[in-house]
Amino acid sequence: MRKVEVVPYKKEWSKLYRDECQKLEDIFGPGLIKLYHIGSTAIPAIHAKPVIDILAVVKDVECVADFTKEMQEIGYDARGENGIAGRRFFLKGGDERSHHIHMFQKGHEEIARHLAFRDYLLSHPEEAQRYSRLKQRLAAEFPDDIKGYVNGKNDFIKEVDEKAKHWAKRGDHHVNEVD
């Protein structure tokens, strides 16, 4: 059973991200365009589940399956699209997850959404703290119910997604290259 654990920000998350990027670059080579640290572990000063989320932009998402064996060798389970059309999702650590890889082909709309969400929270610390408090409350309320925890975040995420989309369209900021 997956426990819901939310912890204060840890500086080592950046290093864990960079270490994993090197492994992904070694596996996917020139088929990999760009890697981004996303999710709450990419936002300093907020609480997060200690799972490193990595957004991988690839040239051809259909070729990702060719590397399933190599991904398994470094501890990942392939989960296919896992609820998002056009994504290839990998997780590491089973019930004690340490990493999620979200792979999308260049140009997929989810890339911009994920980056806008992250960058909006980085640029709006009061919203980031609101998210942090919500995550802490939900983790206390649903310590043994990951679905309850995730569902409890849905309205906040939709609200911030909408704000982030409009904020990103204004273009009066730059994308923060975290890590």
N, C-alpha and C. Protein backbone atom coordinates (compact mmCIF):
# COMPACT_ATOMS: atom_id res chain seq x y z
N MET A 1 0.84 -1.19 0.00
CA MET A 1 0.00 0.00 0.00
C MET A 1 0.88 1.25 0.00
N ARG A 2 0.55 2.19 -0.86
CA ARG A 2 1.29 3.45 -0.92
C ARG A 2 0.84 4.38 0.19
N LYS A 3 1.78 4.79 1.00
CA LYS A 3 1.54 5.78 2.05
C LYS A 3 1.63 7.16 1.43
N VAL A 4 0.86 8.09 1.93
CA VAL A 4 0.94 9.48 1.49
C VAL A 4 1.85 10.21 2.46
N GLU A 5 3.01 10.57 1.98
CA GLU A 5 4.00 11.28 2.79
C GLU A 5 4.33 12.59 2.10
N VAL A 6 4.18 13.68 2.81
CA VAL A 6 4.52 15.01 2.31
C VAL A 6 5.55 15.58 3.26
N VAL A 7 6.69 15.99 2.71
CA VAL A 7 7.81 16.45 3.53
C VAL A 7 8.26 17.84 3.09
N PRO A 8 8.99 18.56 3.96
CA PRO A 8 9.53 19.86 3.55
C PRO A 8 10.51 19.70 2.39
N TYR A 9 10.68 20.78 1.63
CA TYR A 9 11.61 20.80 0.50
C TYR A 9 13.00 20.34 0.93
N LYS A 10 13.65 19.56 0.09
CA LYS A 10 15.01 19.08 0.36
C LYS A 10 15.91 19.48 -0.81
N LYS A 11 17.05 20.10 -0.48
CA LYS A 11 17.98 20.54 -1.52
C LYS A 11 18.48 19.39 -2.38
N GLU A 12 18.58 18.18 -1.81
CA GLU A 12 19.11 17.06 -2.58
C GLU A 12 18.19 16.62 -3.73
N TRP A 13 16.95 17.11 -3.76
CA TRP A 13 16.07 16.76 -4.87
C TRP A 13 16.65 17.23 -6.20
N SER A 14 17.31 18.37 -6.21
CA SER A 14 17.94 18.86 -7.44
C SER A 14 19.01 17.90 -7.93
N LYS A 15 19.80 17.38 -7.00
CA LYS A 15 20.86 16.44 -7.38
C LYS A 15 20.25 15.12 -7.87
N LEU A 16 19.21 14.64 -7.21
CA LEU A 16 18.55 13.41 -7.65
C LEU A 16 18.00 13.58 -9.06
N TYR A 17 17.46 14.75 -9.34
CA TYR A 17 16.97 15.06 -10.69
C TYR A 17 18.12 15.00 -11.70
N ARG A 18 19.20 15.71 -11.41
CA ARG A 18 20.34 15.76 -12.35
C ARG A 18 20.95 14.37 -12.56
N ASP A 19 21.07 13.59 -11.49
CA ASP A 19 21.61 12.23 -11.62
C ASP A 19 20.74 11.38 -12.55
N GLU A 20 19.45 11.50 -12.41
CA GLU A 20 18.54 10.71 -13.24
C GLU A 20 18.58 11.19 -14.68
N CYS A 21 18.75 12.49 -14.88
CA CYS A 21 18.84 13.04 -16.24
C CYS A 21 20.00 12.40 -16.99
N GLN A 22 21.11 12.25 -16.31
CA GLN A 22 22.28 11.65 -16.96
C GLN A 22 21.96 10.23 -17.43
N LYS A 23 21.26 9.47 -16.59
CA LYS A 23 20.89 8.10 -16.97
C LYS A 23 19.97 8.10 -18.19
N LEU A 24 19.00 9.02 -18.21
CA LEU A 24 18.06 9.10 -19.33
C LEU A 24 18.77 9.52 -20.61
N GLU A 25 19.70 10.47 -20.50
CA GLU A 25 20.47 10.90 -21.67
C GLU A 25 21.30 9.74 -22.22
N ASP A 26 21.86 8.94 -21.33
CA ASP A 26 22.65 7.78 -21.77
C ASP A 26 21.78 6.76 -22.50
N ILE A 27 20.55 6.57 -22.04
CA ILE A 27 19.65 5.59 -22.66
C ILE A 27 19.09 6.11 -23.98
N PHE A 28 18.54 7.32 -23.99
CA PHE A 28 17.79 7.80 -25.15
C PHE A 28 18.63 8.56 -26.17
N GLY A 29 19.81 9.00 -25.77
CA GLY A 29 20.72 9.66 -26.71
C GLY A 29 20.07 10.79 -27.47
N PRO A 30 20.31 10.86 -28.77
CA PRO A 30 19.81 11.99 -29.57
C PRO A 30 18.28 12.01 -29.73
N GLY A 31 17.61 10.94 -29.36
CA GLY A 31 16.14 10.94 -29.41
C GLY A 31 15.51 11.78 -28.32
N LEU A 32 16.33 12.15 -27.34
CA LEU A 32 15.87 12.97 -26.22
C LEU A 32 16.21 14.43 -26.53
N ILE A 33 15.20 15.29 -26.48
CA ILE A 33 15.41 16.70 -26.81
C ILE A 33 15.73 17.53 -25.58
N LYS A 34 14.93 17.37 -24.51
CA LYS A 34 15.08 18.22 -23.33
C LYS A 34 14.47 17.53 -22.13
N LEU A 35 15.06 17.79 -20.97
CA LEU A 35 14.54 17.29 -19.70
C LEU A 35 14.24 18.45 -18.78
N TYR A 36 13.15 18.34 -18.03
CA TYR A 36 12.75 19.38 -17.09
C TYR A 36 12.38 18.75 -15.76
N HIS A 37 12.77 19.41 -14.68
CA HIS A 37 12.33 19.02 -13.34
C HIS A 37 10.97 19.69 -13.14
N ILE A 38 9.93 18.88 -12.94
CA ILE A 38 8.59 19.42 -12.73
C ILE A 38 8.06 18.87 -11.41
N GLY A 39 6.82 19.20 -11.11
CA GLY A 39 6.21 18.72 -9.88
C GLY A 39 6.69 19.52 -8.68
N SER A 40 6.19 19.17 -7.53
CA SER A 40 6.46 19.93 -6.32
C SER A 40 7.91 19.89 -5.87
N THR A 41 8.65 18.83 -6.21
CA THR A 41 10.05 18.78 -5.80
C THR A 41 10.89 19.78 -6.58
N ALA A 42 10.32 20.40 -7.60
CA ALA A 42 11.03 21.42 -8.39
C ALA A 42 10.77 22.82 -7.85
N ILE A 43 9.96 22.92 -6.80
CA ILE A 43 9.58 24.24 -6.27
C ILE A 43 10.13 24.39 -4.86
N PRO A 44 11.24 25.12 -4.72
CA PRO A 44 11.83 25.30 -3.38
C PRO A 44 10.82 25.91 -2.41
N ALA A 45 10.94 25.52 -1.18
CA ALA A 45 10.17 26.10 -0.07
C ALA A 45 8.75 25.56 0.07
N ILE A 46 8.37 24.55 -0.73
CA ILE A 46 7.05 23.95 -0.47
C ILE A 46 7.22 22.48 -0.11
N HIS A 47 6.22 21.97 0.58
CA HIS A 47 6.19 20.56 0.94
C HIS A 47 5.83 19.74 -0.31
N ALA A 48 6.33 18.51 -0.34
CA ALA A 48 6.09 17.65 -1.50
C ALA A 48 6.17 16.20 -1.10
N LYS A 49 5.52 15.36 -1.88
CA LYS A 49 5.82 13.94 -1.79
C LYS A 49 7.24 13.81 -2.32
N PRO A 50 8.10 13.02 -1.70
CA PRO A 50 9.49 12.94 -2.13
C PRO A 50 9.67 12.07 -3.39
N VAL A 51 9.00 12.49 -4.46
CA VAL A 51 9.07 11.80 -5.75
C VAL A 51 9.52 12.83 -6.78
N ILE A 52 10.62 12.54 -7.45
CA ILE A 52 11.15 13.44 -8.46
C ILE A 52 10.38 13.22 -9.76
N ASP A 53 9.69 14.26 -10.23
CA ASP A 53 8.97 14.20 -11.50
C ASP A 53 9.85 14.83 -12.58
N ILE A 54 10.05 14.07 -13.65
CA ILE A 54 10.87 14.54 -14.76
C ILE A 54 10.01 14.54 -16.02
N LEU A 55 10.01 15.67 -16.71
CA LEU A 55 9.34 15.80 -17.99
C LEU A 55 10.41 15.62 -19.06
N ALA A 56 10.24 14.61 -19.91
CA ALA A 56 11.19 14.34 -20.99
C ALA A 56 10.51 14.61 -22.32
N VAL A 57 11.12 15.49 -23.10
CA VAL A 57 10.63 15.80 -24.44
C VAL A 57 11.46 14.98 -25.42
N VAL A 58 10.78 14.17 -26.22
CA VAL A 58 11.47 13.28 -27.16
C VAL A 58 11.05 13.61 -28.59
N LYS A 59 11.90 13.18 -29.53
CA LYS A 59 11.61 13.41 -30.95
C LYS A 59 10.42 12.59 -31.42
N ASP A 60 10.37 11.32 -30.97
CA ASP A 60 9.32 10.41 -31.43
C ASP A 60 8.86 9.53 -30.26
N VAL A 61 7.69 9.82 -29.75
CA VAL A 61 7.19 9.08 -28.58
C VAL A 61 6.97 7.59 -28.90
N GLU A 62 6.74 7.27 -30.16
CA GLU A 62 6.53 5.87 -30.53
C GLU A 62 7.81 5.04 -30.35
N CYS A 63 8.96 5.68 -30.37
CA CYS A 63 10.24 4.98 -30.20
C CYS A 63 10.57 4.70 -28.74
N VAL A 64 9.85 5.31 -27.81
CA VAL A 64 10.15 5.14 -26.38
C VAL A 64 10.07 3.67 -25.98
N ALA A 65 9.11 2.94 -26.53
CA ALA A 65 8.95 1.52 -26.19
C ALA A 65 10.20 0.70 -26.52
N ASP A 66 11.00 1.16 -27.48
CA ASP A 66 12.22 0.45 -27.85
C ASP A 66 13.24 0.43 -26.70
N PHE A 67 13.04 1.29 -25.70
CA PHE A 67 14.00 1.42 -24.60
C PHE A 67 13.45 0.89 -23.26
N THR A 68 12.36 0.16 -23.32
CA THR A 68 11.74 -0.36 -22.09
C THR A 68 12.72 -1.22 -21.30
N LYS A 69 13.46 -2.08 -21.98
CA LYS A 69 14.42 -2.96 -21.29
C LYS A 69 15.47 -2.14 -20.55
N GLU A 70 16.02 -1.12 -21.20
CA GLU A 70 17.03 -0.27 -20.57
C GLU A 70 16.44 0.49 -19.38
N MET A 71 15.20 0.92 -19.50
CA MET A 71 14.54 1.62 -18.39
C MET A 71 14.32 0.65 -17.22
N GLN A 72 13.94 -0.58 -17.52
CA GLN A 72 13.78 -1.58 -16.47
C GLN A 72 15.11 -1.85 -15.76
N GLU A 73 16.20 -1.86 -16.51
CA GLU A 73 17.52 -2.11 -15.93
C GLU A 73 17.94 -1.04 -14.92
N ILE A 74 17.39 0.18 -15.06
CA ILE A 74 17.70 1.22 -14.07
C ILE A 74 16.55 1.41 -13.07
N GLY A 75 15.63 0.44 -13.04
CA GLY A 75 14.62 0.40 -11.99
C GLY A 75 13.24 0.91 -12.32
N TYR A 76 12.96 1.19 -13.59
CA TYR A 76 11.66 1.76 -13.95
C TYR A 76 10.68 0.71 -14.44
N ASP A 77 9.39 0.95 -14.12
CA ASP A 77 8.29 0.18 -14.67
C ASP A 77 7.60 1.06 -15.71
N ALA A 78 7.38 0.51 -16.90
CA ALA A 78 6.67 1.23 -17.96
C ALA A 78 5.18 1.11 -17.72
N ARG A 79 4.47 2.23 -17.79
CA ARG A 79 3.02 2.23 -17.56
C ARG A 79 2.23 2.75 -18.76
N GLY A 80 2.86 2.80 -19.93
CA GLY A 80 2.16 3.28 -21.12
C GLY A 80 1.74 4.73 -20.98
N GLU A 81 0.56 5.05 -21.50
CA GLU A 81 0.07 6.43 -21.42
C GLU A 81 -0.38 6.80 -20.02
N ASN A 82 -0.82 5.84 -19.26
CA ASN A 82 -1.25 6.03 -17.87
C ASN A 82 -2.20 7.22 -17.71
N GLY A 83 -3.21 7.27 -18.56
CA GLY A 83 -4.27 8.27 -18.41
C GLY A 83 -4.11 9.55 -19.19
N ILE A 84 -2.98 9.76 -19.86
CA ILE A 84 -2.79 10.97 -20.67
C ILE A 84 -2.39 10.54 -22.07
N ALA A 85 -3.26 10.79 -23.05
CA ALA A 85 -2.98 10.39 -24.43
C ALA A 85 -1.68 11.02 -24.92
N GLY A 86 -0.85 10.19 -25.53
CA GLY A 86 0.40 10.66 -26.09
C GLY A 86 1.57 10.67 -25.11
N ARG A 87 1.31 10.33 -23.87
CA ARG A 87 2.39 10.29 -22.87
C ARG A 87 2.91 8.86 -22.76
N ARG A 88 4.18 8.75 -22.39
CA ARG A 88 4.75 7.48 -21.96
C ARG A 88 5.22 7.72 -20.53
N PHE A 89 4.69 6.93 -19.60
CA PHE A 89 4.93 7.16 -18.18
C PHE A 89 5.72 6.00 -17.61
N PHE A 90 6.73 6.36 -16.81
CA PHE A 90 7.55 5.36 -16.11
C PHE A 90 7.59 5.74 -14.65
N LEU A 91 7.60 4.73 -13.78
CA LEU A 91 7.76 4.99 -12.35
C LEU A 91 8.86 4.11 -11.80
N LYS A 92 9.52 4.62 -10.78
CA LYS A 92 10.63 3.92 -10.15
C LYS A 92 10.32 3.78 -8.66
N GLY A 93 10.48 2.56 -8.14
CA GLY A 93 10.34 2.37 -6.71
C GLY A 93 9.06 1.71 -6.24
N GLY A 94 8.16 1.35 -7.14
CA GLY A 94 6.91 0.68 -6.73
C GLY A 94 6.14 1.51 -5.71
N ASP A 95 5.77 0.88 -4.59
CA ASP A 95 5.03 1.60 -3.55
C ASP A 95 5.90 2.62 -2.81
N GLU A 96 7.20 2.49 -2.93
CA GLU A 96 8.15 3.45 -2.32
C GLU A 96 8.74 4.30 -3.44
N ARG A 97 7.88 4.90 -4.22
CA ARG A 97 8.31 5.63 -5.42
C ARG A 97 9.36 6.69 -5.12
N SER A 98 10.30 6.78 -6.07
CA SER A 98 11.32 7.83 -5.98
C SER A 98 11.29 8.75 -7.19
N HIS A 99 10.85 8.25 -8.35
CA HIS A 99 10.86 9.04 -9.58
C HIS A 99 9.66 8.69 -10.46
N HIS A 100 9.20 9.71 -11.18
CA HIS A 100 8.22 9.55 -12.26
C HIS A 100 8.83 10.19 -13.50
N ILE A 101 8.72 9.52 -14.63
CA ILE A 101 9.16 10.11 -15.90
C ILE A 101 7.92 10.26 -16.77
N HIS A 102 7.69 11.48 -17.23
CA HIS A 102 6.57 11.79 -18.11
C HIS A 102 7.18 12.14 -19.47
N MET A 103 7.04 11.26 -20.45
CA MET A 103 7.65 11.50 -21.77
C MET A 103 6.59 11.90 -22.77
N PHE A 104 6.89 12.99 -23.47
CA PHE A 104 5.99 13.50 -24.51
C PHE A 104 6.79 13.83 -25.75
N GLN A 105 6.15 13.65 -26.88
CA GLN A 105 6.77 14.05 -28.15
C GLN A 105 6.75 15.57 -28.24
N LYS A 106 7.81 16.13 -28.82
CA LYS A 106 7.91 17.58 -28.99
C LYS A 106 6.61 18.13 -29.58
N GLY A 107 6.13 19.23 -28.98
CA GLY A 107 4.91 19.86 -29.46
C GLY A 107 3.64 19.43 -28.73
N HIS A 108 3.70 18.41 -27.91
CA HIS A 108 2.51 17.95 -27.18
C HIS A 108 2.07 19.05 -26.21
N GLU A 109 0.77 19.30 -26.14
CA GLU A 109 0.23 20.39 -25.31
C GLU A 109 0.52 20.23 -23.81
N GLU A 110 0.71 19.00 -23.35
CA GLU A 110 0.98 18.77 -21.93
C GLU A 110 2.33 19.34 -21.50
N ILE A 111 3.26 19.45 -22.43
CA ILE A 111 4.58 20.00 -22.09
C ILE A 111 4.41 21.43 -21.58
N ALA A 112 3.74 22.25 -22.36
CA ALA A 112 3.52 23.65 -21.98
C ALA A 112 2.72 23.76 -20.70
N ARG A 113 1.73 22.89 -20.53
CA ARG A 113 0.91 22.93 -19.31
C ARG A 113 1.74 22.65 -18.07
N HIS A 114 2.54 21.59 -18.12
CA HIS A 114 3.37 21.25 -16.97
C HIS A 114 4.36 22.37 -16.64
N LEU A 115 4.99 22.92 -17.66
CA LEU A 115 5.99 23.97 -17.43
C LEU A 115 5.33 25.25 -16.95
N ALA A 116 4.17 25.58 -17.49
CA ALA A 116 3.47 26.80 -17.04
C ALA A 116 3.06 26.66 -15.57
N PHE A 117 2.57 25.50 -15.18
CA PHE A 117 2.17 25.26 -13.79
C PHE A 117 3.37 25.46 -12.87
N ARG A 118 4.48 24.80 -13.20
CA ARG A 118 5.69 24.92 -12.38
C ARG A 118 6.16 26.37 -12.32
N ASP A 119 6.26 27.01 -13.47
CA ASP A 119 6.80 28.37 -13.52
C ASP A 119 5.87 29.38 -12.84
N TYR A 120 4.56 29.14 -12.94
CA TYR A 120 3.62 30.02 -12.26
C TYR A 120 3.83 29.95 -10.75
N LEU A 121 3.97 28.73 -10.21
CA LEU A 121 4.18 28.59 -8.77
C LEU A 121 5.54 29.15 -8.35
N LEU A 122 6.56 29.00 -9.20
CA LEU A 122 7.86 29.59 -8.89
C LEU A 122 7.80 31.11 -8.85
N SER A 123 6.97 31.68 -9.70
CA SER A 123 6.84 33.14 -9.78
C SER A 123 5.79 33.72 -8.85
N HIS A 124 4.99 32.88 -8.24
CA HIS A 124 3.92 33.32 -7.33
C HIS A 124 4.03 32.54 -6.02
N PRO A 125 4.96 32.96 -5.15
CA PRO A 125 5.22 32.20 -3.92
C PRO A 125 4.00 32.06 -3.01
N GLU A 126 3.09 33.02 -3.04
CA GLU A 126 1.90 32.90 -2.19
C GLU A 126 1.01 31.75 -2.66
N GLU A 127 0.92 31.54 -3.97
CA GLU A 127 0.16 30.40 -4.51
C GLU A 127 0.88 29.10 -4.19
N ALA A 128 2.21 29.12 -4.27
CA ALA A 128 3.00 27.92 -3.95
C ALA A 128 2.77 27.53 -2.49
N GLN A 129 2.74 28.51 -1.60
CA GLN A 129 2.50 28.21 -0.18
C GLN A 129 1.08 27.70 0.05
N ARG A 130 0.13 28.23 -0.70
CA ARG A 130 -1.24 27.73 -0.63
C ARG A 130 -1.29 26.24 -1.00
N TYR A 131 -0.56 25.91 -2.06
CA TYR A 131 -0.47 24.52 -2.51
C TYR A 131 0.21 23.67 -1.45
N SER A 132 1.26 24.16 -0.87
CA SER A 132 1.99 23.44 0.17
C SER A 132 1.07 23.12 1.35
N ARG A 133 0.32 24.12 1.80
CA ARG A 133 -0.60 23.90 2.93
C ARG A 133 -1.68 22.88 2.58
N LEU A 134 -2.21 22.97 1.35
CA LEU A 134 -3.23 22.01 0.91
C LEU A 134 -2.65 20.59 0.92
N LYS A 135 -1.46 20.41 0.41
CA LYS A 135 -0.85 19.09 0.35
C LYS A 135 -0.61 18.54 1.76
N GLN A 136 -0.18 19.38 2.67
CA GLN A 136 0.03 18.94 4.05
C GLN A 136 -1.28 18.50 4.70
N ARG A 137 -2.33 19.31 4.48
CA ARG A 137 -3.64 18.97 5.05
C ARG A 137 -4.17 17.66 4.48
N LEU A 138 -4.05 17.50 3.15
CA LEU A 138 -4.55 16.28 2.51
C LEU A 138 -3.76 15.05 2.93
N ALA A 139 -2.44 15.20 3.09
CA ALA A 139 -1.62 14.07 3.54
C ALA A 139 -2.03 13.63 4.94
N ALA A 140 -2.37 14.59 5.80
CA ALA A 140 -2.82 14.25 7.15
C ALA A 140 -4.20 13.61 7.11
N GLU A 141 -5.05 14.08 6.21
CA GLU A 141 -6.42 13.57 6.09
C GLU A 141 -6.48 12.19 5.42
N PHE A 142 -5.57 11.95 4.46
CA PHE A 142 -5.59 10.71 3.68
C PHE A 142 -4.24 9.98 3.73
N PRO A 143 -3.73 9.64 4.91
CA PRO A 143 -2.39 9.05 4.99
C PRO A 143 -2.25 7.69 4.30
N ASP A 144 -3.37 6.99 4.13
CA ASP A 144 -3.34 5.66 3.50
C ASP A 144 -4.20 5.60 2.24
N ASP A 145 -4.53 6.76 1.69
CA ASP A 145 -5.45 6.82 0.55
C ASP A 145 -4.90 7.78 -0.50
N ILE A 146 -4.03 7.26 -1.39
CA ILE A 146 -3.41 8.12 -2.40
C ILE A 146 -4.45 8.72 -3.33
N LYS A 147 -5.52 7.98 -3.62
CA LYS A 147 -6.56 8.52 -4.50
C LYS A 147 -7.27 9.70 -3.84
N GLY A 148 -7.56 9.59 -2.55
CA GLY A 148 -8.18 10.69 -1.82
C GLY A 148 -7.29 11.92 -1.82
N TYR A 149 -6.00 11.70 -1.62
CA TYR A 149 -5.01 12.79 -1.64
C TYR A 149 -4.99 13.46 -3.01
N VAL A 150 -4.86 12.67 -4.07
CA VAL A 150 -4.80 13.20 -5.43
C VAL A 150 -6.10 13.92 -5.78
N ASN A 151 -7.24 13.31 -5.48
CA ASN A 151 -8.53 13.93 -5.78
C ASN A 151 -8.69 15.26 -5.03
N GLY A 152 -8.16 15.32 -3.81
CA GLY A 152 -8.25 16.55 -3.03
C GLY A 152 -7.46 17.71 -3.63
N LYS A 153 -6.49 17.42 -4.47
CA LYS A 153 -5.69 18.47 -5.11
C LYS A 153 -6.28 18.93 -6.44
N ASN A 154 -7.22 18.16 -6.99
CA ASN A 154 -7.71 18.42 -8.35
C ASN A 154 -8.21 19.84 -8.58
N ASP A 155 -9.07 20.35 -7.69
CA ASP A 155 -9.63 21.69 -7.90
C ASP A 155 -8.54 22.76 -7.88
N PHE A 156 -7.61 22.63 -6.95
CA PHE A 156 -6.51 23.60 -6.89
C PHE A 156 -5.68 23.55 -8.17
N ILE A 157 -5.36 22.34 -8.62
CA ILE A 157 -4.54 22.20 -9.83
C ILE A 157 -5.26 22.79 -11.04
N LYS A 158 -6.54 22.51 -11.17
CA LYS A 158 -7.30 23.09 -12.30
C LYS A 158 -7.30 24.61 -12.24
N GLU A 159 -7.49 25.16 -11.05
CA GLU A 159 -7.48 26.62 -10.86
C GLU A 159 -6.13 27.21 -11.26
N VAL A 160 -5.05 26.62 -10.77
CA VAL A 160 -3.72 27.14 -11.09
C VAL A 160 -3.37 26.90 -12.55
N ASP A 161 -3.79 25.77 -13.11
CA ASP A 161 -3.56 25.52 -14.54
C ASP A 161 -4.15 26.66 -15.37
N GLU A 162 -5.36 27.06 -15.02
CA GLU A 162 -6.03 28.14 -15.77
C GLU A 162 -5.28 29.46 -15.61
N LYS A 163 -4.93 29.79 -14.38
CA LYS A 163 -4.16 31.02 -14.14
C LYS A 163 -2.81 30.98 -14.87
N ALA A 164 -2.16 29.83 -14.80
CA ALA A 164 -0.84 29.67 -15.42
C ALA A 164 -0.91 29.79 -16.93
N LYS A 165 -1.98 29.25 -17.51
CA LYS A 165 -2.15 29.33 -18.97
C LYS A 165 -2.25 30.79 -19.41
N HIS A 166 -3.05 31.58 -18.72
CA HIS A 166 -3.20 32.99 -19.07
C HIS A 166 -1.92 33.77 -18.78
N TRP A 167 -1.29 33.46 -17.67
CA TRP A 167 -0.03 34.10 -17.29
C TRP A 167 1.04 33.82 -18.34
N ALA A 168 1.14 32.58 -18.79
CA ALA A 168 2.14 32.20 -19.79
C ALA A 168 1.88 32.89 -21.12
N LYS A 169 0.61 33.06 -21.48
CA LYS A 169 0.26 33.73 -22.75
C LYS A 169 0.67 35.19 -22.75
N ARG A 170 0.64 35.82 -21.58
CA ARG A 170 1.03 37.24 -21.50
C ARG A 170 2.48 37.43 -21.90
N GLY A 171 3.31 36.45 -21.57
CA GLY A 171 4.70 36.49 -22.01
C GLY A 171 5.57 37.54 -21.36
N ASP A 172 5.15 38.10 -20.23
CA ASP A 172 5.96 39.14 -19.57
C ASP A 172 6.89 38.52 -18.53
N HIS A 173 7.28 37.29 -18.77
CA HIS A 173 8.16 36.56 -17.87
C HIS A 173 8.98 35.61 -18.73
N HIS A 174 9.92 34.94 -18.14
CA HIS A 174 10.67 33.92 -18.87
C HIS A 174 10.50 32.58 -18.16
N VAL A 175 10.67 31.51 -18.93
CA VAL A 175 10.58 30.18 -18.35
C VAL A 175 11.76 29.99 -17.42
N ASN A 176 11.46 29.58 -16.22
CA ASN A 176 12.53 29.32 -15.24
C ASN A 176 13.13 27.96 -15.52
N GLU A 177 14.40 27.94 -15.81
CA GLU A 177 15.09 26.67 -16.01
C GLU A 177 15.53 26.17 -14.64
N VAL A 178 14.68 25.44 -13.98
CA VAL A 178 15.00 24.91 -12.66
C VAL A 178 15.99 23.78 -12.85
N ASP A 179 17.03 23.81 -12.02
CA ASP A 179 18.06 22.78 -12.06
C ASP A 179 18.80 22.84 -13.35
